[in-house]
Amino acid sequence: MNKPPADCTSKEDVRTELDRIDLALLTLFAERHRYVTRMAEIKTDPHEAYDPARISAILSKQRKRADELGLDEDQAELIWKTLIDWNVNYEKGIIVARRGTK
């Protein structure tokens, strides 16, 4: 049962809710990862994995969304930069392995 933050009266209550949210986040990250894998299967050149214009647009969009949700934009940008950097390297690895090139 979900408790709003104001209804949490103990550290255990808060930890239970954080664990619930963490599981939901991991589930979404796993789903996202399947799409990243599919994108890597579709792309034909490792250089396609890094698209600065697309990355900039994503970061701008996430900063705006974070602000609208009351989340620090710098924190959101850092999370997405980390995610994007990992995904770019992951995609490159898949594409290179499939092509047998470096």
PDB file of N, CA and C in Angstrom:
ATOM      1  N   MET A   1       0.846  -1.184   0.000  1.00  0.00           N
ATOM      2  CA  MET A   1       0.000   0.000   0.000  1.00  0.00           C
ATOM      3  C   MET A   1       0.887   1.241   0.000  1.00  0.00           C
ATOM      4  N   ASN A   2       0.644   2.144  -0.914  1.00  0.00           N
ATOM      5  CA  ASN A   2       1.443   3.361  -1.018  1.00  0.00           C
ATOM      6  C   ASN A   2       1.034   4.371   0.050  1.00  0.00           C
ATOM      7  N   LYS A   3       2.040   4.956   0.676  1.00  0.00           N
ATOM      8  CA  LYS A   3       1.803   6.013   1.649  1.00  0.00           C
ATOM      9  C   LYS A   3       2.380   7.306   1.100  1.00  0.00           C
ATOM     10  N   PRO A   4       1.637   8.380   1.124  1.00  0.00           N
ATOM     11  CA  PRO A   4       2.228   9.676   0.775  1.00  0.00           C
ATOM     12  C   PRO A   4       3.329  10.018   1.778  1.00  0.00           C
ATOM     13  N   PRO A   5       4.320  10.796   1.359  1.00  0.00           N
ATOM     14  CA  PRO A   5       5.402  11.138   2.285  1.00  0.00           C
ATOM     15  C   PRO A   5       4.916  11.679   3.630  1.00  0.00           C
ATOM     16  N   ALA A   6       3.916  12.505   3.620  1.00  0.00           N
ATOM     17  CA  ALA A   6       3.422  13.104   4.868  1.00  0.00           C
ATOM     18  C   ALA A   6       2.830  12.065   5.816  1.00  0.00           C
ATOM     19  N   ASP A   7       2.396  10.915   5.275  1.00  0.00           N
ATOM     20  CA  ASP A   7       1.819   9.870   6.115  1.00  0.00           C
ATOM     21  C   ASP A   7       2.857   8.894   6.657  1.00  0.00           C
ATOM     22  N   CYS A   8       4.101   9.029   6.243  1.00  0.00           N
ATOM     23  CA  CYS A   8       5.172   8.178   6.757  1.00  0.00           C
ATOM     24  C   CYS A   8       5.591   8.718   8.119  1.00  0.00           C
ATOM     25  N   THR A   9       5.468   7.868   9.122  1.00  0.00           N
ATOM     26  CA  THR A   9       5.767   8.316  10.481  1.00  0.00           C
ATOM     27  C   THR A   9       7.058   7.732  11.040  1.00  0.00           C
ATOM     28  N   SER A  10       7.707   6.882  10.252  1.00  0.00           N
ATOM     29  CA  SER A  10       8.954   6.275  10.722  1.00  0.00           C
ATOM     30  C   SER A  10       9.923   6.130   9.550  1.00  0.00           C
ATOM     31  N   LYS A  11      11.184   5.890   9.896  1.00  0.00           N
ATOM     32  CA  LYS A  11      12.173   5.624   8.853  1.00  0.00           C
ATOM     33  C   LYS A  11      11.791   4.384   8.064  1.00  0.00           C
ATOM     34  N   GLU A  12      11.237   3.389   8.736  1.00  0.00           N
ATOM     35  CA  GLU A  12      10.829   2.164   8.057  1.00  0.00           C
ATOM     36  C   GLU A  12       9.744   2.451   7.019  1.00  0.00           C
ATOM     37  N   ASP A  13       8.788   3.317   7.379  1.00  0.00           N
ATOM     38  CA  ASP A  13       7.745   3.696   6.414  1.00  0.00           C
ATOM     39  C   ASP A  13       8.367   4.315   5.169  1.00  0.00           C
ATOM     40  N   VAL A  14       9.291   5.232   5.379  1.00  0.00           N
ATOM     41  CA  VAL A  14       9.947   5.908   4.249  1.00  0.00           C
ATOM     42  C   VAL A  14      10.747   4.900   3.439  1.00  0.00           C
ATOM     43  N   ARG A  15      11.487   4.040   4.109  1.00  0.00           N
ATOM     44  CA  ARG A  15      12.296   3.036   3.392  1.00  0.00           C
ATOM     45  C   ARG A  15      11.426   2.088   2.571  1.00  0.00           C
ATOM     46  N   THR A  16      10.293   1.711   3.105  1.00  0.00           N
ATOM     47  CA  THR A  16       9.376   0.842   2.368  1.00  0.00           C
ATOM     48  C   THR A  16       8.922   1.521   1.083  1.00  0.00           C
ATOM     49  N   GLU A  17       8.579   2.787   1.164  1.00  0.00           N
ATOM     50  CA  GLU A  17       8.138   3.527  -0.018  1.00  0.00           C
ATOM     51  C   GLU A  17       9.287   3.732  -1.008  1.00  0.00           C
ATOM     52  N   LEU A  18      10.483   4.016  -0.490  1.00  0.00           N
ATOM     53  CA  LEU A  18      11.637   4.154  -1.384  1.00  0.00           C
ATOM     54  C   LEU A  18      11.942   2.844  -2.090  1.00  0.00           C
ATOM     55  N   ASP A  19      11.840   1.723  -1.376  1.00  0.00           N
ATOM     56  CA  ASP A  19      12.052   0.409  -2.003  1.00  0.00           C
ATOM     57  C   ASP A  19      11.021   0.153  -3.097  1.00  0.00           C
ATOM     58  N   ARG A  20       9.777   0.521  -2.843  1.00  0.00           N
ATOM     59  CA  ARG A  20       8.722   0.354  -3.846  1.00  0.00           C
ATOM     60  C   ARG A  20       9.029   1.182  -5.091  1.00  0.00           C
ATOM     61  N   ILE A  21       9.446   2.419  -4.884  1.00  0.00           N
ATOM     62  CA  ILE A  21       9.773   3.311  -6.006  1.00  0.00           C
ATOM     63  C   ILE A  21      11.003   2.798  -6.744  1.00  0.00           C
ATOM     64  N   ASP A  22      12.017   2.347  -6.004  1.00  0.00           N
ATOM     65  CA  ASP A  22      13.227   1.815  -6.641  1.00  0.00           C
ATOM     66  C   ASP A  22      12.908   0.623  -7.540  1.00  0.00           C
ATOM     67  N   LEU A  23      12.022  -0.253  -7.091  1.00  0.00           N
ATOM     68  CA  LEU A  23      11.623  -1.393  -7.915  1.00  0.00           C
ATOM     69  C   LEU A  23      10.924  -0.912  -9.184  1.00  0.00           C
ATOM     70  N   ALA A  24      10.056   0.079  -9.044  1.00  0.00           N
ATOM     71  CA  ALA A  24       9.364   0.630 -10.216  1.00  0.00           C
ATOM     72  C   ALA A  24      10.361   1.259 -11.183  1.00  0.00           C
ATOM     73  N   LEU A  25      11.344   1.983 -10.653  1.00  0.00           N
ATOM     74  CA  LEU A  25      12.368   2.595 -11.507  1.00  0.00           C
ATOM     75  C   LEU A  25      13.173   1.533 -12.243  1.00  0.00           C
ATOM     76  N   LEU A  26      13.602   0.498 -11.522  1.00  0.00           N
ATOM     77  CA  LEU A  26      14.378  -0.573 -12.162  1.00  0.00           C
ATOM     78  C   LEU A  26      13.562  -1.275 -13.239  1.00  0.00           C
ATOM     79  N   THR A  27      12.286  -1.471 -12.982  1.00  0.00           N
ATOM     80  CA  THR A  27      11.412  -2.086 -13.978  1.00  0.00           C
ATOM     81  C   THR A  27      11.350  -1.224 -15.227  1.00  0.00           C
ATOM     82  N   LEU A  28      11.238   0.078 -15.053  1.00  0.00           N
ATOM     83  CA  LEU A  28      11.215   0.993 -16.201  1.00  0.00           C
ATOM     84  C   LEU A  28      12.570   1.048 -16.902  1.00  0.00           C
ATOM     85  N   PHE A  29      13.666   1.029 -16.138  1.00  0.00           N
ATOM     86  CA  PHE A  29      14.991   1.009 -16.753  1.00  0.00           C
ATOM     87  C   PHE A  29      15.188  -0.262 -17.576  1.00  0.00           C
ATOM     88  N   ALA A  30      14.690  -1.391 -17.074  1.00  0.00           N
ATOM     89  CA  ALA A  30      14.798  -2.652 -17.814  1.00  0.00           C
ATOM     90  C   ALA A  30      13.998  -2.567 -19.111  1.00  0.00           C
ATOM     91  N   GLU A  31      12.819  -1.992 -19.042  1.00  0.00           N
ATOM     92  CA  GLU A  31      12.016  -1.815 -20.257  1.00  0.00           C
ATOM     93  C   GLU A  31      12.728  -0.890 -21.240  1.00  0.00           C
ATOM     94  N   ARG A  32      13.266   0.209 -20.734  1.00  0.00           N
ATOM     95  CA  ARG A  32      13.993   1.157 -21.578  1.00  0.00           C
ATOM     96  C   ARG A  32      15.186   0.476 -22.234  1.00  0.00           C
ATOM     97  N   HIS A  33      15.876  -0.350 -21.464  1.00  0.00           N
ATOM     98  CA  HIS A  33      17.056  -1.048 -21.959  1.00  0.00           C
ATOM     99  C   HIS A  33      16.714  -1.946 -23.157  1.00  0.00           C
ATOM    100  N   ARG A  34      15.556  -2.574 -23.102  1.00  0.00           N
ATOM    101  CA  ARG A  34      15.146  -3.417 -24.230  1.00  0.00           C
ATOM    102  C   ARG A  34      14.982  -2.582 -25.503  1.00  0.00           C
ATOM    103  N   TYR A  35      14.501  -1.355 -25.362  1.00  0.00           N
ATOM    104  CA  TYR A  35      14.382  -0.466 -26.525  1.00  0.00           C
ATOM    105  C   TYR A  35      15.748   0.010 -27.006  1.00  0.00           C
ATOM    106  N   VAL A  36      16.653   0.275 -26.081  1.00  0.00           N
ATOM    107  CA  VAL A  36      18.011   0.668 -26.465  1.00  0.00           C
ATOM    108  C   VAL A  36      18.679  -0.476 -27.222  1.00  0.00           C
ATOM    109  N   THR A  37      18.490  -1.687 -26.746  1.00  0.00           N
ATOM    110  CA  THR A  37      19.042  -2.849 -27.440  1.00  0.00           C
ATOM    111  C   THR A  37      18.467  -2.949 -28.841  1.00  0.00           C
ATOM    112  N   ARG A  38      17.174  -2.742 -28.971  1.00  0.00           N
ATOM    113  CA  ARG A  38      16.556  -2.810 -30.296  1.00  0.00           C
ATOM    114  C   ARG A  38      17.096  -1.712 -31.199  1.00  0.00           C
ATOM    115  N   MET A  39      17.307  -0.524 -30.656  1.00  0.00           N
ATOM    116  CA  MET A  39      17.870   0.574 -31.446  1.00  0.00           C
ATOM    117  C   MET A  39      19.251   0.192 -31.959  1.00  0.00           C
ATOM    118  N   ALA A  40      20.043  -0.432 -31.110  1.00  0.00           N
ATOM    119  CA  ALA A  40      21.378  -0.860 -31.516  1.00  0.00           C
ATOM    120  C   ALA A  40      21.308  -1.912 -32.618  1.00  0.00           C
ATOM    121  N   GLU A  41      20.280  -2.727 -32.598  1.00  0.00           N
ATOM    122  CA  GLU A  41      20.103  -3.726 -33.642  1.00  0.00           C
ATOM    123  C   GLU A  41      19.712  -3.083 -34.974  1.00  0.00           C
ATOM    124  N   ILE A  42      19.024  -1.981 -34.898  1.00  0.00           N
ATOM    125  CA  ILE A  42      18.563  -1.281 -36.105  1.00  0.00           C
ATOM    126  C   ILE A  42      19.682  -0.442 -36.730  1.00  0.00           C
ATOM    127  N   LYS A  43      20.492   0.191 -35.877  1.00  0.00           N
ATOM    128  CA  LYS A  43      21.573   1.047 -36.375  1.00  0.00           C
ATOM    129  C   LYS A  43      22.635   0.199 -37.068  1.00  0.00           C
ATOM    130  N   THR A  44      23.275   0.784 -38.075  1.00  0.00           N
ATOM    131  CA  THR A  44      24.255   0.029 -38.860  1.00  0.00           C
ATOM    132  C   THR A  44      25.689   0.506 -38.676  1.00  0.00           C
ATOM    133  N   ASP A  45      25.879   1.683 -38.110  1.00  0.00           N
ATOM    134  CA  ASP A  45      27.217   2.248 -37.959  1.00  0.00           C
ATOM    135  C   ASP A  45      27.408   2.666 -36.506  1.00  0.00           C
ATOM    136  N   PRO A  46      28.540   2.321 -35.884  1.00  0.00           N
ATOM    137  CA  PRO A  46      28.765   2.691 -34.483  1.00  0.00           C
ATOM    138  C   PRO A  46      28.686   4.196 -34.232  1.00  0.00           C
ATOM    139  N   HIS A  47      28.992   4.990 -35.253  1.00  0.00           N
ATOM    140  CA  HIS A  47      28.939   6.443 -35.078  1.00  0.00           C
ATOM    141  C   HIS A  47      27.512   6.944 -34.902  1.00  0.00           C
ATOM    142  N   GLU A  48      26.535   6.144 -35.319  1.00  0.00           N
ATOM    143  CA  GLU A  48      25.131   6.516 -35.142  1.00  0.00           C
ATOM    144  C   GLU A  48      24.725   6.530 -33.666  1.00  0.00           C
ATOM    145  N   ALA A  49      25.470   5.825 -32.833  1.00  0.00           N
ATOM    146  CA  ALA A  49      25.113   5.739 -31.417  1.00  0.00           C
ATOM    147  C   ALA A  49      25.260   7.082 -30.713  1.00  0.00           C
ATOM    148  N   TYR A  50      26.128   7.927 -31.225  1.00  0.00           N
ATOM    149  CA  TYR A  50      26.349   9.237 -30.596  1.00  0.00           C
ATOM    150  C   TYR A  50      25.793  10.322 -31.511  1.00  0.00           C
ATOM    151  N   ASP A  51      24.682  10.917 -31.097  1.00  0.00           N
ATOM    152  CA  ASP A  51      24.007  11.960 -31.862  1.00  0.00           C
ATOM    153  C   ASP A  51      23.883  13.196 -30.975  1.00  0.00           C
ATOM    154  N   PRO A  52      24.866  14.112 -31.054  1.00  0.00           N
ATOM    155  CA  PRO A  52      24.889  15.263 -30.143  1.00  0.00           C
ATOM    156  C   PRO A  52      23.607  16.100 -30.162  1.00  0.00           C
ATOM    157  N   ALA A  53      23.010  16.290 -31.326  1.00  0.00           N
ATOM    158  CA  ALA A  53      21.780  17.092 -31.402  1.00  0.00           C
ATOM    159  C   ALA A  53      20.647  16.390 -30.648  1.00  0.00           C
ATOM    160  N   ARG A  54      20.530  15.091 -30.845  1.00  0.00           N
ATOM    161  CA  ARG A  54      19.492  14.316 -30.150  1.00  0.00           C
ATOM    162  C   ARG A  54      19.732  14.326 -28.647  1.00  0.00           C
ATOM    163  N   ILE A  55      20.980  14.157 -28.245  1.00  0.00           N
ATOM    164  CA  ILE A  55      21.315  14.159 -26.820  1.00  0.00           C
ATOM    165  C   ILE A  55      20.977  15.503 -26.191  1.00  0.00           C
ATOM    166  N   SER A  56      21.334  16.581 -26.859  1.00  0.00           N
ATOM    167  CA  SER A  56      21.031  17.916 -26.350  1.00  0.00           C
ATOM    168  C   SER A  56      19.526  18.121 -26.205  1.00  0.00           C
ATOM    169  N   ALA A  57      18.767  17.659 -27.192  1.00  0.00           N
ATOM    170  CA  ALA A  57      17.308  17.793 -27.136  1.00  0.00           C
ATOM    171  C   ALA A  57      16.727  16.999 -25.967  1.00  0.00           C
ATOM    172  N   ILE A  58      17.238  15.785 -25.765  1.00  0.00           N
ATOM    173  CA  ILE A  58      16.756  14.955 -24.658  1.00  0.00           C
ATOM    174  C   ILE A  58      17.044  15.635 -23.323  1.00  0.00           C
ATOM    175  N   LEU A  59      18.274  16.132 -23.154  1.00  0.00           N
ATOM    176  CA  LEU A  59      18.642  16.767 -21.886  1.00  0.00           C
ATOM    177  C   LEU A  59      17.795  18.009 -21.631  1.00  0.00           C
ATOM    178  N   SER A  60      17.554  18.789 -22.655  1.00  0.00           N
ATOM    179  CA  SER A  60      16.713  19.987 -22.499  1.00  0.00           C
ATOM    180  C   SER A  60      15.298  19.597 -22.092  1.00  0.00           C
ATOM    181  N   LYS A  61      14.767  18.572 -22.750  1.00  0.00           N
ATOM    182  CA  LYS A  61      13.409  18.112 -22.451  1.00  0.00           C
ATOM    183  C   LYS A  61      13.316  17.607 -21.008  1.00  0.00           C
ATOM    184  N   GLN A  62      14.333  16.862 -20.576  1.00  0.00           N
ATOM    185  CA  GLN A  62      14.295  16.311 -19.228  1.00  0.00           C
ATOM    186  C   GLN A  62      14.464  17.404 -18.173  1.00  0.00           C
ATOM    187  N   ARG A  63      15.265  18.414 -18.472  1.00  0.00           N
ATOM    188  CA  ARG A  63      15.394  19.544 -17.542  1.00  0.00           C
ATOM    189  C   ARG A  63      14.044  20.236 -17.375  1.00  0.00           C
ATOM    190  N   LYS A  64      13.357  20.447 -18.485  1.00  0.00           N
ATOM    191  CA  LYS A  64      12.044  21.110 -18.437  1.00  0.00           C
ATOM    192  C   LYS A  64      11.050  20.258 -17.650  1.00  0.00           C
ATOM    193  N   ARG A  65      11.014  18.976 -17.940  1.00  0.00           N
ATOM    194  CA  ARG A  65      10.109  18.075 -17.226  1.00  0.00           C
ATOM    195  C   ARG A  65      10.422  18.040 -15.734  1.00  0.00           C
ATOM    196  N   ALA A  66      11.706  17.990 -15.400  1.00  0.00           N
ATOM    197  CA  ALA A  66      12.104  17.965 -13.987  1.00  0.00           C
ATOM    198  C   ALA A  66      11.594  19.214 -13.276  1.00  0.00           C
ATOM    199  N   ASP A  67      11.781  20.355 -13.902  1.00  0.00           N
ATOM    200  CA  ASP A  67      11.316  21.613 -13.310  1.00  0.00           C
ATOM    201  C   ASP A  67       9.807  21.575 -13.077  1.00  0.00           C
ATOM    202  N   GLU A  68       9.080  21.080 -14.061  1.00  0.00           N
ATOM    203  CA  GLU A  68       7.618  20.985 -13.946  1.00  0.00           C
ATOM    204  C   GLU A  68       7.195  20.055 -12.807  1.00  0.00           C
ATOM    205  N   LEU A  69       8.031  19.053 -12.523  1.00  0.00           N
ATOM    206  CA  LEU A  69       7.722  18.083 -11.471  1.00  0.00           C
ATOM    207  C   LEU A  69       8.302  18.469 -10.109  1.00  0.00           C
ATOM    208  N   GLY A  70       9.002  19.598 -10.051  1.00  0.00           N
ATOM    209  CA  GLY A  70       9.582  20.038  -8.788  1.00  0.00           C
ATOM    210  C   GLY A  70      10.867  19.324  -8.429  1.00  0.00           C
ATOM    211  N   LEU A  71      11.546  18.770  -9.436  1.00  0.00           N
ATOM    212  CA  LEU A  71      12.829  18.093  -9.228  1.00  0.00           C
ATOM    213  C   LEU A  71      13.945  19.011  -9.708  1.00  0.00           C
ATOM    214  N   ASP A  72      15.051  19.001  -9.024  1.00  0.00           N
ATOM    215  CA  ASP A  72      16.189  19.817  -9.423  1.00  0.00           C
ATOM    216  C   ASP A  72      16.633  19.449 -10.837  1.00  0.00           C
ATOM    217  N   GLU A  73      16.679  20.436 -11.731  1.00  0.00           N
ATOM    218  CA  GLU A  73      17.026  20.183 -13.134  1.00  0.00           C
ATOM    219  C   GLU A  73      18.445  19.655 -13.287  1.00  0.00           C
ATOM    220  N   ASP A  74      19.377  20.133 -12.472  1.00  0.00           N
ATOM    221  CA  ASP A  74      20.757  19.645 -12.553  1.00  0.00           C
ATOM    222  C   ASP A  74      20.837  18.160 -12.188  1.00  0.00           C
ATOM    223  N   GLN A  75      20.064  17.769 -11.199  1.00  0.00           N
ATOM    224  CA  GLN A  75      20.050  16.359 -10.801  1.00  0.00           C
ATOM    225  C   GLN A  75      19.494  15.505 -11.936  1.00  0.00           C
ATOM    226  N   ALA A  76      18.398  15.932 -12.528  1.00  0.00           N
ATOM    227  CA  ALA A  76      17.800  15.186 -13.637  1.00  0.00           C
ATOM    228  C   ALA A  76      18.773  15.101 -14.807  1.00  0.00           C
ATOM    229  N   GLU A  77      19.438  16.213 -15.120  1.00  0.00           N
ATOM    230  CA  GLU A  77      20.382  16.206 -16.234  1.00  0.00           C
ATOM    231  C   GLU A  77      21.531  15.246 -15.967  1.00  0.00           C
ATOM    232  N   LEU A  78      22.044  15.234 -14.759  1.00  0.00           N
ATOM    233  CA  LEU A  78      23.139  14.324 -14.411  1.00  0.00           C
ATOM    234  C   LEU A  78      22.709  12.858 -14.577  1.00  0.00           C
ATOM    235  N   ILE A  79      21.508  12.548 -14.111  1.00  0.00           N
ATOM    236  CA  ILE A  79      21.002  11.178 -14.250  1.00  0.00           C
ATOM    237  C   ILE A  79      20.901  10.809 -15.725  1.00  0.00           C
ATOM    238  N   TRP A  80      20.334  11.707 -16.534  1.00  0.00           N
ATOM    239  CA  TRP A  80      20.158  11.386 -17.955  1.00  0.00           C
ATOM    240  C   TRP A  80      21.482  11.374 -18.713  1.00  0.00           C
ATOM    241  N   LYS A  81      22.417  12.235 -18.352  1.00  0.00           N
ATOM    242  CA  LYS A  81      23.738  12.189 -18.995  1.00  0.00           C
ATOM    243  C   LYS A  81      24.401  10.840 -18.736  1.00  0.00           C
ATOM    244  N   THR A  82      24.317  10.372 -17.507  1.00  0.00           N
ATOM    245  CA  THR A  82      24.898   9.083 -17.158  1.00  0.00           C
ATOM    246  C   THR A  82      24.222   7.964 -17.944  1.00  0.00           C
ATOM    247  N   LEU A  83      22.907   7.988 -17.984  1.00  0.00           N
ATOM    248  CA  LEU A  83      22.147   6.987 -18.723  1.00  0.00           C
ATOM    249  C   LEU A  83      22.489   7.020 -20.211  1.00  0.00           C
ATOM    250  N   ILE A  84      22.535   8.199 -20.780  1.00  0.00           N
ATOM    251  CA  ILE A  84      22.842   8.348 -22.205  1.00  0.00           C
ATOM    252  C   ILE A  84      24.260   7.880 -22.503  1.00  0.00           C
ATOM    253  N   ASP A  85      25.225   8.284 -21.683  1.00  0.00           N
ATOM    254  CA  ASP A  85      26.614   7.858 -21.904  1.00  0.00           C
ATOM    255  C   ASP A  85      26.716   6.336 -21.893  1.00  0.00           C
ATOM    256  N   TRP A  86      26.066   5.704 -20.933  1.00  0.00           N
ATOM    257  CA  TRP A  86      26.101   4.259 -20.865  1.00  0.00           C
ATOM    258  C   TRP A  86      25.454   3.660 -22.109  1.00  0.00           C
ATOM    259  N   ASN A  87      24.291   4.204 -22.497  1.00  0.00           N
ATOM    260  CA  ASN A  87      23.580   3.667 -23.658  1.00  0.00           C
ATOM    261  C   ASN A  87      24.370   3.835 -24.950  1.00  0.00           C
ATOM    262  N   VAL A  88      25.036   4.968 -25.125  1.00  0.00           N
ATOM    263  CA  VAL A  88      25.856   5.191 -26.322  1.00  0.00           C
ATOM    264  C   VAL A  88      26.941   4.120 -26.404  1.00  0.00           C
ATOM    265  N   ASN A  89      27.639   3.892 -25.307  1.00  0.00           N
ATOM    266  CA  ASN A  89      28.699   2.883 -25.295  1.00  0.00           C
ATOM    267  C   ASN A  89      28.142   1.479 -25.513  1.00  0.00           C
ATOM    268  N   TYR A  90      27.024   1.201 -24.934  1.00  0.00           N
ATOM    269  CA  TYR A  90      26.369  -0.097 -25.107  1.00  0.00           C
ATOM    270  C   TYR A  90      25.987  -0.310 -26.568  1.00  0.00           C
ATOM    271  N   GLU A  91      25.323   0.688 -27.170  1.00  0.00           N
ATOM    272  CA  GLU A  91      24.935   0.588 -28.583  1.00  0.00           C
ATOM    273  C   GLU A  91      26.164   0.393 -29.473  1.00  0.00           C
ATOM    274  N   LYS A  92      27.197   1.200 -29.240  1.00  0.00           N
ATOM    275  CA  LYS A  92      28.416   1.067 -30.048  1.00  0.00           C
ATOM    276  C   LYS A  92      28.962  -0.350 -29.961  1.00  0.00           C
ATOM    277  N   GLY A  93      28.987  -0.910 -28.755  1.00  0.00           N
ATOM    278  CA  GLY A  93      29.501  -2.259 -28.566  1.00  0.00           C
ATOM    279  C   GLY A  93      28.713  -3.290 -29.352  1.00  0.00           C
ATOM    280  N   ILE A  94      27.415  -3.171 -29.338  1.00  0.00           N
ATOM    281  CA  ILE A  94      26.574  -4.118 -30.081  1.00  0.00           C
ATOM    282  C   ILE A  94      26.808  -3.983 -31.580  1.00  0.00           C
ATOM    283  N   ILE A  95      26.837  -2.747 -32.055  1.00  0.00           N
ATOM    284  CA  ILE A  95      27.013  -2.508 -33.493  1.00  0.00           C
ATOM    285  C   ILE A  95      28.385  -3.008 -33.956  1.00  0.00           C
ATOM    286  N   VAL A  96      29.420  -2.678 -33.193  1.00  0.00           N
ATOM    287  CA  VAL A  96      30.773  -3.112 -33.540  1.00  0.00           C
ATOM    288  C   VAL A  96      30.868  -4.638 -33.550  1.00  0.00           C
ATOM    289  N   ALA A  97      30.312  -5.264 -32.524  1.00  0.00           N
ATOM    290  CA  ALA A  97      30.352  -6.735 -32.441  1.00  0.00           C
ATOM    291  C   ALA A  97      29.636  -7.358 -33.636  1.00  0.00           C
ATOM    292  N   ARG A  98      28.498  -6.801 -33.994  1.00  0.00           N
ATOM    293  CA  ARG A  98      27.746  -7.345 -35.137  1.00  0.00           C
ATOM    294  C   ARG A  98      28.509  -7.175 -36.437  1.00  0.00           C
ATOM    295  N   ARG A  99      29.161  -6.030 -36.589  1.00  0.00           N
ATOM    296  CA  ARG A  99      29.906  -5.755 -37.821  1.00  0.00           C
ATOM    297  C   ARG A  99      31.278  -6.391 -37.834  1.00  0.00           C
ATOM    298  N   GLY A 100      31.780  -6.727 -36.643  1.00  0.00           N
ATOM    299  CA  GLY A 100      33.121  -7.285 -36.560  1.00  0.00           C
ATOM    300  C   GLY A 100      34.184  -6.232 -36.850  1.00  0.00           C
ATOM    301  N   THR A 101      33.885  -4.959 -36.532  1.00  0.00           N
ATOM    302  CA  THR A 101      34.821  -3.848 -36.761  1.00  0.00           C
ATOM    303  C   THR A 101      35.090  -3.122 -35.466  1.00  0.00           C
ATOM    304  N   LYS A 102      36.022  -2.188 -35.544  1.00  0.00           N
ATOM    305  CA  LYS A 102      36.323  -1.358 -34.375  1.00  0.00           C
ATOM    306  C   LYS A 102      36.027   0.077 -34.625  1.00  0.00           C
TER     307      LYS A 102
END
